[in-house]
């Protein structure tokens, strides 16, 4: 089991590559961080099929974050809270990640 604050930036880099996203992570404490996505291929793809109110892209992003966190920290649980959503007109998608 690794140190959350040290390993999370590497996990986010992997997610950026896998999902073709442009995001940054800000570690806010030893067990908390913020993830900001400024450009996201998931939204670009789903926006061709769904409108802003029905687009499930944030579910895909959160599921990918959970999967990567589960792989990096198999003995920990996380709370992921959506703070902003590009589909709802926000300038970015932003989530807060807290180790439970």
N, C-alpha and C. Protein backbone atom coordinates (compact mmCIF):
# COMPACT_ATOMS: atom_id res chain seq x y z
N UNK A 1 0.85 -1.17 0.00
CA UNK A 1 0.00 0.00 0.00
C UNK A 1 0.90 1.23 0.00
N UNK A 2 0.63 2.15 -0.91
CA UNK A 2 1.47 3.33 -1.03
C UNK A 2 0.87 4.55 -0.37
N UNK A 3 1.64 5.60 -0.37
CA UNK A 3 1.21 6.87 0.19
C UNK A 3 0.31 7.58 -0.82
N UNK A 4 -0.91 7.86 -0.43
CA UNK A 4 -1.91 8.46 -1.30
C UNK A 4 -1.39 9.73 -1.99
N UNK A 5 -0.84 10.66 -1.22
CA UNK A 5 -0.41 11.95 -1.77
C UNK A 5 0.72 11.81 -2.78
N UNK A 6 1.53 10.77 -2.65
CA UNK A 6 2.63 10.58 -3.58
C UNK A 6 2.22 9.80 -4.83
N UNK A 7 1.32 8.84 -4.67
CA UNK A 7 0.96 7.95 -5.77
C UNK A 7 -0.18 8.50 -6.63
N UNK A 8 -1.09 9.29 -6.05
CA UNK A 8 -2.25 9.78 -6.81
C UNK A 8 -1.86 10.51 -8.10
N UNK A 9 -0.86 11.40 -8.11
CA UNK A 9 -0.50 12.05 -9.38
C UNK A 9 -0.13 11.06 -10.48
N UNK A 10 0.51 9.96 -10.13
CA UNK A 10 0.85 8.94 -11.12
C UNK A 10 -0.41 8.25 -11.62
N UNK A 11 -1.35 7.98 -10.71
CA UNK A 11 -2.61 7.35 -11.09
C UNK A 11 -3.39 8.26 -12.05
N UNK A 12 -3.40 9.56 -11.77
CA UNK A 12 -4.09 10.52 -12.64
C UNK A 12 -3.41 10.59 -14.01
N UNK A 13 -2.11 10.50 -14.04
CA UNK A 13 -1.39 10.50 -15.32
C UNK A 13 -1.81 9.30 -16.17
N UNK A 14 -1.98 8.15 -15.53
CA UNK A 14 -2.45 6.95 -16.23
C UNK A 14 -3.85 7.19 -16.78
N UNK A 15 -4.74 7.76 -15.95
CA UNK A 15 -6.11 8.03 -16.40
C UNK A 15 -6.10 9.00 -17.58
N UNK A 16 -5.27 10.02 -17.52
CA UNK A 16 -5.18 10.98 -18.64
C UNK A 16 -4.84 10.26 -19.94
N UNK A 17 -3.91 9.33 -19.86
CA UNK A 17 -3.50 8.58 -21.04
C UNK A 17 -4.61 7.66 -21.52
N UNK A 18 -5.21 6.89 -20.59
CA UNK A 18 -6.25 5.93 -20.96
C UNK A 18 -7.49 6.59 -21.55
N UNK A 19 -7.89 7.72 -20.98
CA UNK A 19 -9.14 8.35 -21.39
C UNK A 19 -8.93 9.59 -22.26
N UNK A 20 -7.68 9.85 -22.65
CA UNK A 20 -7.36 11.00 -23.49
C UNK A 20 -7.93 12.29 -22.90
N UNK A 21 -7.58 12.52 -21.64
CA UNK A 21 -8.08 13.69 -20.93
C UNK A 21 -6.92 14.62 -20.62
N UNK A 22 -7.25 15.88 -20.41
CA UNK A 22 -6.28 16.85 -19.91
C UNK A 22 -6.75 17.25 -18.53
N UNK A 23 -6.06 16.73 -17.51
CA UNK A 23 -6.48 17.02 -16.15
C UNK A 23 -5.28 17.27 -15.26
N UNK A 24 -5.57 17.87 -14.13
CA UNK A 24 -4.55 18.13 -13.13
C UNK A 24 -5.08 17.67 -11.78
N UNK A 25 -4.16 17.25 -10.94
CA UNK A 25 -4.52 16.84 -9.59
C UNK A 25 -3.83 17.78 -8.61
N UNK A 26 -4.58 18.18 -7.60
CA UNK A 26 -4.06 19.00 -6.54
C UNK A 26 -4.24 18.25 -5.24
N UNK A 27 -3.14 17.84 -4.64
CA UNK A 27 -3.21 17.14 -3.36
C UNK A 27 -3.47 18.20 -2.30
N UNK A 28 -4.58 18.07 -1.57
CA UNK A 28 -4.97 19.07 -0.58
C UNK A 28 -4.67 18.62 0.85
N UNK A 29 -4.26 17.38 1.02
CA UNK A 29 -3.92 16.86 2.33
C UNK A 29 -3.39 15.45 2.19
N UNK A 30 -3.00 14.81 3.28
CA UNK A 30 -2.46 13.46 3.18
C UNK A 30 -3.47 12.43 2.69
N UNK A 31 -4.77 12.75 2.81
CA UNK A 31 -5.81 11.81 2.37
C UNK A 31 -6.91 12.49 1.57
N UNK A 32 -6.56 13.58 0.88
CA UNK A 32 -7.56 14.26 0.06
C UNK A 32 -6.89 14.96 -1.12
N UNK A 33 -7.67 15.10 -2.19
CA UNK A 33 -7.16 15.75 -3.40
C UNK A 33 -8.32 16.21 -4.26
N UNK A 34 -8.01 17.13 -5.15
CA UNK A 34 -8.96 17.57 -6.15
C UNK A 34 -8.45 17.19 -7.53
N UNK A 35 -9.36 16.81 -8.40
CA UNK A 35 -9.01 16.46 -9.77
C UNK A 35 -9.83 17.36 -10.68
N UNK A 36 -9.14 18.09 -11.53
CA UNK A 36 -9.80 19.02 -12.47
C UNK A 36 -9.52 18.55 -13.89
N UNK A 37 -10.60 18.35 -14.65
CA UNK A 37 -10.50 17.93 -16.05
C UNK A 37 -10.90 19.12 -16.91
N UNK A 38 -9.96 19.58 -17.72
CA UNK A 38 -10.23 20.74 -18.58
C UNK A 38 -10.63 20.36 -20.00
N UNK A 39 -10.22 19.19 -20.44
CA UNK A 39 -10.56 18.73 -21.79
C UNK A 39 -10.76 17.22 -21.71
N UNK A 40 -11.91 16.76 -22.20
CA UNK A 40 -12.26 15.35 -21.99
C UNK A 40 -12.88 14.74 -23.24
N UNK A 41 -12.25 13.68 -23.72
CA UNK A 41 -12.77 12.98 -24.89
C UNK A 41 -14.08 12.26 -24.59
N UNK A 42 -14.28 11.84 -23.33
CA UNK A 42 -15.54 11.17 -22.96
C UNK A 42 -16.70 12.11 -23.24
N UNK A 43 -16.61 13.36 -22.77
CA UNK A 43 -17.68 14.33 -23.01
C UNK A 43 -17.86 14.59 -24.49
N UNK A 44 -16.78 14.71 -25.23
CA UNK A 44 -16.89 14.95 -26.67
C UNK A 44 -17.63 13.81 -27.36
N UNK A 45 -17.38 12.57 -26.92
CA UNK A 45 -18.05 11.42 -27.53
C UNK A 45 -19.52 11.36 -27.13
N UNK A 46 -19.82 11.44 -25.83
CA UNK A 46 -21.21 11.27 -25.41
C UNK A 46 -22.09 12.46 -25.80
N UNK A 47 -21.49 13.63 -25.99
CA UNK A 47 -22.30 14.79 -26.36
C UNK A 47 -22.87 14.66 -27.76
N UNK A 48 -22.36 13.71 -28.55
CA UNK A 48 -22.90 13.46 -29.88
C UNK A 48 -24.21 12.67 -29.79
N UNK A 49 -24.42 12.00 -28.65
CA UNK A 49 -25.60 11.14 -28.49
C UNK A 49 -26.56 11.70 -27.44
N UNK A 50 -26.02 12.21 -26.33
CA UNK A 50 -26.85 12.70 -25.24
C UNK A 50 -26.74 14.21 -25.11
N UNK A 51 -27.77 14.82 -24.52
CA UNK A 51 -27.70 16.25 -24.25
C UNK A 51 -27.11 16.46 -22.86
N UNK A 52 -26.97 17.70 -22.47
CA UNK A 52 -26.34 18.04 -21.19
C UNK A 52 -26.99 17.38 -19.99
N UNK A 53 -28.32 17.29 -20.00
CA UNK A 53 -29.04 16.76 -18.84
C UNK A 53 -28.94 15.24 -18.72
N UNK A 54 -28.72 14.55 -19.82
CA UNK A 54 -28.73 13.09 -19.78
C UNK A 54 -27.35 12.46 -19.99
N UNK A 55 -26.35 13.28 -20.25
CA UNK A 55 -25.01 12.74 -20.53
C UNK A 55 -24.44 12.03 -19.30
N UNK A 56 -24.04 10.77 -19.47
CA UNK A 56 -23.51 10.00 -18.34
C UNK A 56 -21.99 10.08 -18.20
N UNK A 57 -21.36 11.07 -18.82
CA UNK A 57 -19.90 11.07 -18.86
C UNK A 57 -19.28 11.13 -17.47
N UNK A 58 -19.89 11.86 -16.53
CA UNK A 58 -19.30 11.93 -15.20
C UNK A 58 -19.30 10.56 -14.52
N UNK A 59 -20.27 9.72 -14.86
CA UNK A 59 -20.28 8.36 -14.30
C UNK A 59 -19.10 7.55 -14.83
N UNK A 60 -18.78 7.74 -16.11
CA UNK A 60 -17.63 7.05 -16.71
C UNK A 60 -16.34 7.53 -16.05
N UNK A 61 -16.21 8.83 -15.89
CA UNK A 61 -15.02 9.39 -15.27
C UNK A 61 -14.87 8.90 -13.84
N UNK A 62 -15.95 8.94 -13.06
CA UNK A 62 -15.88 8.49 -11.67
C UNK A 62 -15.58 7.00 -11.59
N UNK A 63 -16.16 6.20 -12.48
CA UNK A 63 -15.89 4.76 -12.49
C UNK A 63 -14.43 4.49 -12.82
N UNK A 64 -13.87 5.25 -13.75
CA UNK A 64 -12.46 5.05 -14.10
C UNK A 64 -11.56 5.46 -12.94
N UNK A 65 -11.89 6.55 -12.26
CA UNK A 65 -11.12 6.97 -11.09
C UNK A 65 -11.18 5.91 -10.01
N UNK A 66 -12.37 5.40 -9.74
CA UNK A 66 -12.53 4.35 -8.72
C UNK A 66 -11.71 3.11 -9.07
N UNK A 67 -11.74 2.70 -10.32
CA UNK A 67 -10.99 1.53 -10.74
C UNK A 67 -9.49 1.71 -10.57
N UNK A 68 -8.99 2.87 -10.97
CA UNK A 68 -7.57 3.14 -10.82
C UNK A 68 -7.18 3.23 -9.34
N UNK A 69 -8.02 3.86 -8.53
CA UNK A 69 -7.73 3.95 -7.10
C UNK A 69 -7.75 2.57 -6.44
N UNK A 70 -8.70 1.74 -6.86
CA UNK A 70 -8.79 0.38 -6.32
C UNK A 70 -7.53 -0.42 -6.66
N UNK A 71 -7.00 -0.22 -7.85
CA UNK A 71 -5.78 -0.90 -8.24
C UNK A 71 -4.56 -0.39 -7.48
N UNK A 72 -4.50 0.92 -7.26
CA UNK A 72 -3.35 1.52 -6.57
C UNK A 72 -3.42 1.35 -5.06
N UNK A 73 -4.64 1.35 -4.53
CA UNK A 73 -4.85 1.30 -3.08
C UNK A 73 -5.93 0.27 -2.75
N UNK A 74 -5.65 -1.02 -2.93
CA UNK A 74 -6.69 -2.04 -2.78
C UNK A 74 -7.31 -2.15 -1.39
N UNK A 75 -6.63 -1.67 -0.36
CA UNK A 75 -7.13 -1.79 1.00
C UNK A 75 -7.83 -0.54 1.50
N UNK A 76 -8.04 0.43 0.62
CA UNK A 76 -8.67 1.69 1.04
C UNK A 76 -9.97 1.92 0.29
N UNK A 77 -10.84 2.71 0.92
CA UNK A 77 -12.08 3.13 0.28
C UNK A 77 -12.03 4.63 0.08
N UNK A 78 -12.73 5.10 -0.95
CA UNK A 78 -12.68 6.50 -1.30
C UNK A 78 -14.08 7.07 -1.47
N UNK A 79 -14.20 8.34 -1.16
CA UNK A 79 -15.41 9.10 -1.45
C UNK A 79 -15.05 10.05 -2.59
N UNK A 80 -15.82 10.00 -3.66
CA UNK A 80 -15.59 10.87 -4.81
C UNK A 80 -16.82 11.75 -4.97
N UNK A 81 -16.61 13.06 -4.85
CA UNK A 81 -17.71 14.02 -4.93
C UNK A 81 -17.52 14.91 -6.15
N UNK A 82 -18.53 14.97 -7.00
CA UNK A 82 -18.50 15.81 -8.19
C UNK A 82 -18.77 17.25 -7.77
N UNK A 83 -17.87 18.16 -8.16
CA UNK A 83 -17.99 19.58 -7.81
C UNK A 83 -18.44 20.43 -9.00
N UNK A 84 -17.95 20.09 -10.20
CA UNK A 84 -18.30 20.82 -11.41
C UNK A 84 -18.44 19.84 -12.56
N UNK A 85 -19.24 20.24 -13.56
CA UNK A 85 -19.48 19.39 -14.73
C UNK A 85 -19.46 20.23 -16.01
N UNK A 86 -18.60 19.87 -16.94
CA UNK A 86 -18.58 20.56 -18.23
C UNK A 86 -19.96 20.48 -18.91
N UNK A 87 -20.63 19.31 -18.92
CA UNK A 87 -21.93 19.25 -19.59
C UNK A 87 -22.98 20.20 -19.00
N UNK A 88 -22.81 20.61 -17.76
CA UNK A 88 -23.78 21.52 -17.15
C UNK A 88 -23.35 22.98 -17.26
N UNK A 89 -22.34 23.24 -18.11
CA UNK A 89 -21.92 24.61 -18.38
C UNK A 89 -20.74 25.09 -17.55
N UNK A 90 -20.22 24.25 -16.66
CA UNK A 90 -19.06 24.64 -15.88
C UNK A 90 -17.82 24.65 -16.78
N UNK A 91 -16.80 25.42 -16.42
CA UNK A 91 -15.61 25.48 -17.27
C UNK A 91 -14.76 24.21 -17.25
N UNK A 92 -15.05 23.32 -16.30
CA UNK A 92 -14.28 22.08 -16.18
C UNK A 92 -15.14 21.05 -15.46
N UNK A 93 -14.65 19.82 -15.44
CA UNK A 93 -15.22 18.82 -14.54
C UNK A 93 -14.25 18.74 -13.38
N UNK A 94 -14.79 18.74 -12.19
CA UNK A 94 -13.94 18.71 -11.01
C UNK A 94 -14.52 17.76 -9.98
N UNK A 95 -13.65 16.93 -9.42
CA UNK A 95 -14.07 16.03 -8.35
C UNK A 95 -13.14 16.17 -7.17
N UNK A 96 -13.70 15.87 -6.01
CA UNK A 96 -12.92 15.82 -4.79
C UNK A 96 -12.78 14.35 -4.42
N UNK A 97 -11.57 13.94 -4.08
CA UNK A 97 -11.28 12.55 -3.71
C UNK A 97 -10.82 12.56 -2.26
N UNK A 98 -11.49 11.78 -1.42
CA UNK A 98 -11.14 11.70 0.00
C UNK A 98 -11.01 10.22 0.38
N UNK A 99 -9.93 9.90 1.06
CA UNK A 99 -9.76 8.54 1.59
C UNK A 99 -10.69 8.42 2.78
N UNK A 100 -11.50 7.35 2.78
CA UNK A 100 -12.43 7.14 3.90
C UNK A 100 -11.70 6.50 5.06
